[in-house]
N, C-alpha and C. Protein backbone atom coordinates (compact mmCIF):
# COMPACT_ATOMS: atom_id res chain seq x y z
N MET A 1 2.39 20.22 3.35
CA MET A 1 1.55 19.07 3.51
C MET A 1 2.01 18.27 4.76
N LYS A 2 0.88 17.93 5.60
CA LYS A 2 1.31 16.90 6.66
C LYS A 2 0.39 15.63 6.69
N LEU A 3 0.91 14.59 7.30
CA LEU A 3 0.20 13.38 7.22
C LEU A 3 -0.69 13.17 8.64
N LEU A 4 -1.80 12.75 8.52
CA LEU A 4 -2.58 12.37 9.71
C LEU A 4 -3.07 11.07 9.59
N GLY A 5 -3.07 10.17 10.60
CA GLY A 5 -3.67 9.00 10.66
C GLY A 5 -4.52 8.80 11.59
N LEU A 6 -5.90 8.33 11.41
CA LEU A 6 -6.89 8.17 12.24
C LEU A 6 -7.14 6.79 12.33
N ASP A 7 -7.32 6.29 13.73
CA ASP A 7 -7.76 5.07 13.93
C ASP A 7 -9.26 5.03 14.33
N ILE A 8 -10.03 4.75 13.53
CA ILE A 8 -11.65 5.07 13.55
C ILE A 8 -12.25 3.85 13.94
N SER A 9 -13.01 4.00 15.16
CA SER A 9 -13.86 2.88 15.52
C SER A 9 -15.06 2.56 14.46
N ASN A 10 -15.49 1.29 14.36
CA ASN A 10 -16.61 0.86 13.55
C ASN A 10 -16.44 1.16 12.06
N LEU A 11 -15.30 1.29 11.60
CA LEU A 11 -14.93 1.64 10.05
C LEU A 11 -14.98 0.22 9.52
N LYS A 12 -16.14 -0.68 9.35
CA LYS A 12 -15.94 -2.06 9.17
C LYS A 12 -16.18 -2.20 7.45
N ASP A 13 -17.01 -1.58 6.82
CA ASP A 13 -17.44 -1.99 5.67
C ASP A 13 -17.27 -0.95 4.54
N GLY A 14 -17.50 -1.18 3.30
CA GLY A 14 -17.48 -0.43 2.21
C GLY A 14 -18.23 0.95 2.33
N TYR A 15 -19.57 0.81 2.81
CA TYR A 15 -20.35 2.02 2.99
C TYR A 15 -19.84 2.98 4.14
N CYS A 16 -19.38 2.45 5.21
CA CYS A 16 -18.75 3.26 6.23
C CYS A 16 -17.47 4.04 5.71
N ILE A 17 -16.62 3.28 5.09
CA ILE A 17 -15.53 3.86 4.55
C ILE A 17 -15.70 4.94 3.58
N SER A 18 -16.87 4.69 2.74
CA SER A 18 -17.16 5.74 1.63
C SER A 18 -17.84 6.82 2.31
N THR A 19 -18.62 6.72 3.28
CA THR A 19 -19.36 7.91 4.06
C THR A 19 -18.23 8.85 4.57
N VAL A 20 -17.27 8.21 5.32
CA VAL A 20 -15.99 8.83 6.21
C VAL A 20 -15.16 9.50 5.09
N THR A 21 -14.86 8.80 4.04
CA THR A 21 -14.12 9.37 3.03
C THR A 21 -14.68 10.59 2.40
N LEU A 22 -15.78 10.48 2.08
CA LEU A 22 -16.51 11.76 1.58
C LEU A 22 -16.55 12.95 2.37
N SER A 23 -16.75 12.53 3.61
CA SER A 23 -16.86 13.60 4.57
C SER A 23 -15.50 14.19 4.91
N VAL A 24 -14.42 13.58 4.92
CA VAL A 24 -13.04 14.07 4.80
C VAL A 24 -12.73 14.92 3.63
N LEU A 25 -12.93 14.27 2.38
CA LEU A 25 -12.74 15.00 1.25
C LEU A 25 -13.37 16.38 1.08
N ASN A 26 -14.56 16.40 1.82
CA ASN A 26 -15.34 17.70 1.72
C ASN A 26 -14.81 18.69 2.79
N THR A 27 -13.66 18.49 3.43
CA THR A 27 -12.99 19.32 4.26
C THR A 27 -11.91 19.96 3.41
N PRO A 28 -11.98 21.37 3.18
CA PRO A 28 -10.95 22.11 2.34
C PRO A 28 -9.61 21.83 2.72
N GLY A 29 -8.70 21.39 1.90
CA GLY A 29 -7.26 21.16 2.34
C GLY A 29 -7.03 19.82 2.92
N ALA A 30 -8.03 18.81 2.87
CA ALA A 30 -7.66 17.37 3.41
C ALA A 30 -7.78 16.54 2.12
N TYR A 31 -6.91 15.66 2.02
CA TYR A 31 -6.76 14.75 0.88
C TYR A 31 -6.62 13.38 1.38
N LEU A 32 -7.41 12.34 1.14
CA LEU A 32 -7.29 11.09 1.43
C LEU A 32 -6.00 10.44 0.73
N ILE A 33 -4.96 9.74 1.44
CA ILE A 33 -4.04 8.87 0.80
C ILE A 33 -4.48 7.43 0.59
N VAL A 34 -4.77 6.83 1.82
CA VAL A 34 -5.27 5.33 1.66
C VAL A 34 -6.00 5.08 3.03
N VAL A 35 -6.72 4.05 2.84
CA VAL A 35 -7.44 3.27 4.05
C VAL A 35 -6.76 1.88 4.14
N LEU A 36 -5.97 1.84 5.27
CA LEU A 36 -5.38 0.82 5.74
C LEU A 36 -6.20 -0.11 6.67
N PRO A 37 -5.81 -1.27 6.92
CA PRO A 37 -6.60 -2.04 8.01
C PRO A 37 -6.47 -1.29 9.41
N GLY A 38 -7.69 -0.70 9.73
CA GLY A 38 -7.83 0.07 10.98
C GLY A 38 -7.42 1.58 11.02
N ILE A 39 -6.78 2.16 9.85
CA ILE A 39 -6.18 3.49 9.83
C ILE A 39 -6.61 4.17 8.55
N MET A 40 -7.11 5.24 8.71
CA MET A 40 -7.37 5.93 7.55
C MET A 40 -6.21 7.12 7.48
N VAL A 41 -5.27 7.20 6.37
CA VAL A 41 -4.26 8.26 6.25
C VAL A 41 -4.63 9.22 5.50
N ILE A 42 -4.51 10.50 5.95
CA ILE A 42 -5.01 11.74 5.41
C ILE A 42 -3.89 12.56 5.13
N SER A 43 -3.75 13.27 4.03
CA SER A 43 -2.55 14.35 3.76
C SER A 43 -3.48 15.56 3.90
N TYR A 44 -2.87 16.60 4.64
CA TYR A 44 -3.82 17.88 4.86
C TYR A 44 -2.79 18.99 4.75
N GLU A 45 -3.28 20.23 4.32
CA GLU A 45 -2.59 21.42 4.22
C GLU A 45 -2.86 22.36 5.51
N PRO A 46 -1.78 22.34 6.54
CA PRO A 46 -2.10 23.14 7.67
C PRO A 46 -2.44 24.57 7.46
N LEU A 47 -2.17 25.16 6.56
CA LEU A 47 -2.55 26.56 6.29
C LEU A 47 -4.00 26.69 5.88
N VAL A 48 -4.67 25.48 5.49
CA VAL A 48 -6.06 25.57 4.98
C VAL A 48 -6.92 24.91 6.02
N THR A 49 -6.46 23.87 6.57
CA THR A 49 -7.37 23.11 7.51
C THR A 49 -6.57 22.71 8.88
N SER A 50 -7.18 22.22 9.67
CA SER A 50 -6.53 21.75 11.07
C SER A 50 -7.00 20.32 11.27
N VAL A 51 -6.28 19.64 12.22
CA VAL A 51 -6.60 18.37 12.57
C VAL A 51 -7.94 18.31 13.33
N ASP A 52 -8.31 19.32 13.97
CA ASP A 52 -9.50 19.38 14.68
C ASP A 52 -10.84 19.23 13.48
N LYS A 53 -10.59 20.20 12.47
CA LYS A 53 -11.53 20.09 11.39
C LYS A 53 -11.83 18.74 10.78
N ILE A 54 -10.58 18.01 10.77
CA ILE A 54 -10.70 16.75 9.96
C ILE A 54 -11.38 15.69 10.68
N ILE A 55 -10.91 15.87 12.31
CA ILE A 55 -11.44 14.98 13.24
C ILE A 55 -13.13 15.18 13.31
N THR A 56 -13.55 16.52 13.40
CA THR A 56 -14.89 16.85 13.36
C THR A 56 -15.63 16.29 12.07
N SER A 57 -14.89 16.18 10.89
CA SER A 57 -15.60 15.52 9.80
C SER A 57 -15.75 14.18 9.85
N VAL A 58 -15.22 13.52 10.86
CA VAL A 58 -15.47 12.08 11.11
C VAL A 58 -16.44 11.97 12.18
N THR A 59 -16.32 12.49 13.46
CA THR A 59 -17.00 12.45 14.57
C THR A 59 -18.54 12.87 14.38
N ARG A 60 -18.58 13.99 13.50
CA ARG A 60 -20.03 14.18 13.21
C ARG A 60 -21.06 13.39 12.50
N LEU A 61 -20.28 12.36 12.09
CA LEU A 61 -21.10 11.20 11.54
C LEU A 61 -21.35 9.92 12.51
N GLY A 62 -20.86 10.39 13.57
CA GLY A 62 -21.21 9.24 14.60
C GLY A 62 -19.97 8.26 14.75
N TYR A 63 -18.89 8.43 14.18
CA TYR A 63 -17.68 7.72 14.47
C TYR A 63 -16.83 7.99 15.44
N LYS A 64 -16.29 7.43 16.04
CA LYS A 64 -15.24 7.64 17.21
C LYS A 64 -13.95 7.48 16.79
N ILE A 65 -12.90 8.41 17.15
CA ILE A 65 -11.50 8.14 16.85
C ILE A 65 -10.87 7.40 18.05
N LYS A 66 -10.33 6.41 17.82
CA LYS A 66 -9.71 5.68 18.89
C LYS A 66 -8.35 6.20 19.33
N LYS A 67 -7.62 6.75 18.26
CA LYS A 67 -6.26 7.45 18.35
C LYS A 67 -5.88 8.03 17.23
N LEU A 68 -4.96 8.94 17.41
CA LEU A 68 -4.42 9.65 16.39
C LEU A 68 -2.94 8.92 15.97
N VAL A 69 -2.60 8.73 14.89
CA VAL A 69 -1.25 7.89 14.61
C VAL A 69 -0.30 9.04 14.04
N GLN A 70 0.79 9.08 14.76
CA GLN A 70 1.65 10.12 14.65
C GLN A 70 2.34 10.06 13.03
N GLN A 71 2.85 11.27 12.38
CA GLN A 71 3.40 11.10 11.19
C GLN A 71 4.62 10.18 11.03
N ASP A 72 5.38 10.08 12.04
CA ASP A 72 6.77 9.26 11.83
C ASP A 72 6.26 7.86 11.80
N SER A 73 5.21 7.38 12.46
CA SER A 73 4.57 6.03 12.54
C SER A 73 4.03 5.89 10.89
N LEU A 74 3.28 6.85 10.61
CA LEU A 74 2.59 6.72 9.22
C LEU A 74 3.70 6.62 8.17
N THR A 75 4.80 7.32 8.14
CA THR A 75 5.78 7.14 7.17
C THR A 75 6.40 5.87 7.13
N GLN A 76 6.56 5.07 8.25
CA GLN A 76 7.04 3.76 8.29
C GLN A 76 5.97 2.73 7.91
N ILE A 77 4.88 3.12 8.08
CA ILE A 77 3.84 2.20 7.79
C ILE A 77 3.52 2.18 6.09
N LEU A 78 3.67 3.38 5.58
CA LEU A 78 3.38 3.51 4.14
C LEU A 78 4.75 3.06 3.29
N ALA A 79 5.89 3.11 3.90
CA ALA A 79 7.08 2.81 3.45
C ALA A 79 7.03 1.34 3.23
N SER A 80 6.42 0.64 4.30
CA SER A 80 6.51 -0.94 4.20
C SER A 80 5.26 -1.43 3.39
N MET A 81 4.45 -0.67 2.85
CA MET A 81 3.42 -1.25 1.97
C MET A 81 3.97 -1.58 0.54
N LYS A 82 3.52 -2.70 0.10
CA LYS A 82 3.79 -3.19 -1.09
C LYS A 82 2.43 -3.01 -2.19
N THR A 83 2.82 -2.63 -3.36
CA THR A 83 1.62 -2.67 -4.38
C THR A 83 1.97 -3.78 -5.48
N LEU A 84 1.03 -4.83 -5.51
CA LEU A 84 1.31 -5.90 -6.41
C LEU A 84 0.01 -5.74 -7.41
N LYS A 85 0.50 -6.05 -8.77
CA LYS A 85 -0.50 -5.99 -9.75
C LYS A 85 -0.42 -7.28 -10.51
N PHE A 86 -1.69 -7.50 -10.95
CA PHE A 86 -1.89 -8.78 -11.59
C PHE A 86 -2.84 -8.66 -12.79
N LYS A 87 -2.67 -9.39 -13.87
CA LYS A 87 -3.61 -9.39 -15.11
C LYS A 87 -4.37 -10.61 -14.89
N THR A 88 -5.84 -10.46 -14.85
CA THR A 88 -6.73 -11.36 -14.49
C THR A 88 -7.73 -11.56 -15.46
N ASN A 89 -8.64 -12.44 -15.34
CA ASN A 89 -9.71 -12.79 -16.27
C ASN A 89 -11.18 -12.46 -15.44
N ILE A 90 -10.94 -11.60 -14.23
CA ILE A 90 -12.03 -11.16 -13.59
C ILE A 90 -12.77 -10.09 -14.25
N LYS A 91 -13.96 -10.23 -14.79
CA LYS A 91 -14.49 -9.33 -15.77
C LYS A 91 -15.93 -8.76 -15.38
N CYS A 92 -16.57 -8.95 -14.28
CA CYS A 92 -17.85 -8.60 -14.05
C CYS A 92 -18.02 -8.54 -12.60
N ALA A 93 -19.25 -7.95 -12.17
CA ALA A 93 -19.64 -7.76 -10.76
C ALA A 93 -19.69 -9.25 -10.18
N GLY A 94 -20.39 -10.19 -10.93
CA GLY A 94 -20.47 -11.54 -10.39
C GLY A 94 -19.10 -12.28 -10.20
N CYS A 95 -18.27 -11.89 -11.01
CA CYS A 95 -16.78 -12.33 -10.78
C CYS A 95 -16.19 -11.92 -9.68
N LEU A 96 -16.42 -10.56 -9.39
CA LEU A 96 -15.72 -9.99 -8.08
C LEU A 96 -16.35 -10.55 -6.88
N ALA A 97 -17.63 -10.76 -7.03
CA ALA A 97 -18.45 -11.26 -5.73
C ALA A 97 -17.80 -12.72 -5.29
N LYS A 98 -17.39 -13.50 -6.35
CA LYS A 98 -17.06 -14.84 -6.35
C LYS A 98 -15.51 -14.79 -5.70
N VAL A 99 -14.81 -13.74 -6.16
CA VAL A 99 -13.40 -13.76 -5.63
C VAL A 99 -13.08 -12.89 -4.18
N SER A 100 -14.02 -12.07 -4.09
CA SER A 100 -13.95 -11.26 -2.81
C SER A 100 -13.79 -11.98 -1.67
N PRO A 101 -14.24 -13.01 -1.09
CA PRO A 101 -14.11 -13.59 0.09
C PRO A 101 -12.61 -14.21 0.32
N SER A 102 -12.10 -14.61 -0.81
CA SER A 102 -10.63 -14.97 -0.83
C SER A 102 -9.70 -13.89 -0.84
N LEU A 103 -9.83 -12.96 -1.61
CA LEU A 103 -9.07 -11.81 -1.63
C LEU A 103 -9.13 -10.97 -0.31
N ASN A 104 -10.34 -10.82 0.30
CA ASN A 104 -10.50 -10.16 1.63
C ASN A 104 -9.68 -10.86 2.61
N GLU A 105 -9.63 -12.38 2.76
CA GLU A 105 -8.98 -12.90 3.55
C GLU A 105 -7.57 -12.81 3.52
N ILE A 106 -7.04 -12.98 2.40
CA ILE A 106 -5.70 -12.76 2.13
C ILE A 106 -4.96 -11.45 2.06
N ALA A 107 -5.69 -10.47 1.51
CA ALA A 107 -5.11 -9.08 1.48
C ALA A 107 -5.77 -8.01 2.29
N GLY A 108 -6.78 -8.35 2.88
CA GLY A 108 -7.67 -7.61 3.70
C GLY A 108 -8.52 -6.69 2.75
N GLU A 109 -9.85 -6.51 3.41
CA GLU A 109 -10.93 -5.79 2.87
C GLU A 109 -10.31 -4.30 2.50
N ASP A 110 -10.89 -3.90 1.41
CA ASP A 110 -10.56 -2.70 0.91
C ASP A 110 -9.08 -2.45 0.61
N ASN A 111 -8.13 -3.49 0.63
CA ASN A 111 -6.71 -3.42 0.43
C ASN A 111 -6.54 -3.85 -1.12
N TRP A 112 -7.63 -4.11 -1.92
CA TRP A 112 -7.51 -4.48 -3.28
C TRP A 112 -8.46 -4.10 -4.20
N GLU A 113 -8.30 -4.06 -5.67
CA GLU A 113 -9.39 -3.64 -6.29
C GLU A 113 -9.03 -4.24 -7.66
N VAL A 114 -10.08 -4.48 -8.46
CA VAL A 114 -9.98 -4.91 -9.84
C VAL A 114 -10.57 -4.04 -10.83
N ASP A 115 -9.90 -3.54 -11.90
CA ASP A 115 -10.23 -2.59 -12.76
C ASP A 115 -10.94 -3.53 -13.83
N ILE A 116 -12.18 -3.59 -13.85
CA ILE A 116 -12.75 -4.45 -14.82
C ILE A 116 -13.00 -3.70 -16.06
N ASN A 117 -12.72 -2.47 -16.21
CA ASN A 117 -13.00 -1.62 -17.44
C ASN A 117 -11.67 -1.61 -18.40
N THR A 118 -10.69 -2.31 -17.99
CA THR A 118 -9.62 -2.41 -18.90
C THR A 118 -9.33 -3.69 -19.34
N PRO A 119 -8.77 -3.88 -20.45
CA PRO A 119 -8.56 -5.16 -21.30
C PRO A 119 -7.85 -5.99 -20.40
N GLU A 120 -6.96 -5.67 -19.51
CA GLU A 120 -6.07 -6.37 -18.53
C GLU A 120 -6.84 -6.79 -17.49
N LYS A 121 -7.87 -6.22 -17.05
CA LYS A 121 -8.73 -6.57 -15.87
C LYS A 121 -7.63 -6.53 -14.59
N THR A 122 -6.99 -5.44 -14.39
CA THR A 122 -5.93 -5.43 -13.47
C THR A 122 -6.35 -5.48 -11.92
N LEU A 123 -5.69 -6.56 -11.24
CA LEU A 123 -5.99 -6.65 -9.84
C LEU A 123 -4.79 -5.90 -9.29
N THR A 124 -5.16 -4.86 -8.34
CA THR A 124 -4.12 -4.23 -7.67
C THR A 124 -4.22 -4.42 -6.28
N VAL A 125 -3.34 -4.88 -5.47
CA VAL A 125 -3.31 -5.19 -4.01
C VAL A 125 -2.39 -4.25 -3.24
N ILE A 126 -2.77 -3.60 -2.35
CA ILE A 126 -1.81 -2.83 -1.53
C ILE A 126 -1.78 -3.29 -0.15
N SER A 127 -0.63 -3.80 0.38
CA SER A 127 -0.60 -4.38 1.76
C SER A 127 0.85 -4.57 2.03
N GLY A 128 1.03 -4.58 3.42
CA GLY A 128 2.47 -4.66 3.89
C GLY A 128 2.66 -6.15 4.24
N GLU A 129 1.76 -6.95 4.05
CA GLU A 129 1.87 -8.27 4.20
C GLU A 129 1.43 -9.32 3.11
N ALA A 130 1.14 -8.63 1.96
CA ALA A 130 0.75 -9.40 0.62
C ALA A 130 1.88 -10.30 0.20
N ASP A 131 1.39 -11.51 0.03
CA ASP A 131 2.26 -12.49 -0.74
C ASP A 131 1.69 -12.73 -2.16
N GLU A 132 2.68 -12.58 -3.17
CA GLU A 132 2.23 -12.59 -4.34
C GLU A 132 1.68 -14.17 -4.80
N ARG A 133 2.18 -15.15 -4.24
CA ARG A 133 1.81 -16.46 -4.46
C ARG A 133 0.52 -16.92 -3.90
N ALA A 134 0.35 -16.22 -2.49
CA ALA A 134 -1.04 -16.30 -1.99
C ALA A 134 -2.10 -15.82 -2.72
N ILE A 135 -1.82 -14.57 -3.21
CA ILE A 135 -2.87 -13.92 -3.99
C ILE A 135 -3.33 -14.69 -5.09
N ILE A 136 -2.10 -15.10 -6.03
CA ILE A 136 -2.42 -16.10 -7.10
C ILE A 136 -3.19 -17.07 -6.96
N PHE A 137 -2.95 -17.91 -5.81
CA PHE A 137 -3.62 -18.91 -5.42
C PHE A 137 -5.12 -18.80 -4.87
N ALA A 138 -5.33 -17.66 -4.31
CA ALA A 138 -6.75 -17.35 -3.82
C ALA A 138 -7.41 -16.93 -5.05
N VAL A 139 -7.06 -16.28 -6.11
CA VAL A 139 -7.61 -16.08 -7.33
C VAL A 139 -7.96 -17.29 -8.07
N ASN A 140 -6.83 -18.20 -8.21
CA ASN A 140 -7.11 -19.55 -8.92
C ASN A 140 -8.16 -20.22 -8.26
N GLU A 141 -8.17 -20.38 -6.83
CA GLU A 141 -9.03 -21.31 -6.34
C GLU A 141 -10.65 -20.59 -6.33
N ALA A 142 -10.67 -19.46 -6.68
CA ALA A 142 -12.01 -18.84 -6.94
C ALA A 142 -12.41 -19.00 -8.55
N GLY A 143 -11.67 -19.72 -9.17
CA GLY A 143 -11.94 -20.05 -10.61
C GLY A 143 -11.31 -19.01 -11.61
N PHE A 144 -10.45 -18.19 -11.21
CA PHE A 144 -9.92 -17.13 -12.12
C PHE A 144 -8.33 -17.16 -12.23
N THR A 145 -7.92 -16.45 -13.28
CA THR A 145 -6.43 -16.53 -13.40
C THR A 145 -5.92 -15.31 -13.07
N ALA A 146 -4.55 -15.19 -12.67
CA ALA A 146 -3.99 -14.14 -12.00
C ALA A 146 -2.34 -14.18 -12.47
N ASP A 147 -1.80 -13.23 -13.41
CA ASP A 147 -0.65 -13.13 -13.73
C ASP A 147 0.00 -12.04 -13.34
N SER A 148 1.28 -11.98 -12.42
CA SER A 148 1.85 -10.95 -12.11
C SER A 148 2.44 -9.98 -13.03
N ILE A 149 2.13 -8.67 -12.88
CA ILE A 149 2.69 -7.78 -13.85
C ILE A 149 3.45 -6.74 -13.14
N ASN A 150 4.21 -6.98 -12.05
CA ASN A 150 4.94 -6.20 -11.16
C ASN A 150 6.23 -6.12 -12.02
């Protein structure tokens, strides 16, 4: 397996990210690892697919690849990422809508999620710059609780 990082233009919202993700995942031998701010990280099997096929899966949708991010750089980026988990009382789509602006600002859009289907209502944040106290404060300011479970 090899890593490929794509800096994709206009990958701005959940719809765009979902569309590109599905296209990449429909490429045999390509597996999405994570979408970071500005970079989609893909693991791929060189015996099954190629970088060109993965790039085509993105560009045929009308998106432009600004640059390829080299494997060494990706390894460093991924190693610097922190995963923080919090038990919350965020329990529905309305709650998510209320807390989203704060968490998007602190952690970055698409760098966090709340599993509202578990009793713990776990908030997971993946970021290189995430500060536990800032996340707890943002959740509290939106009217909810967040207790670290790291």
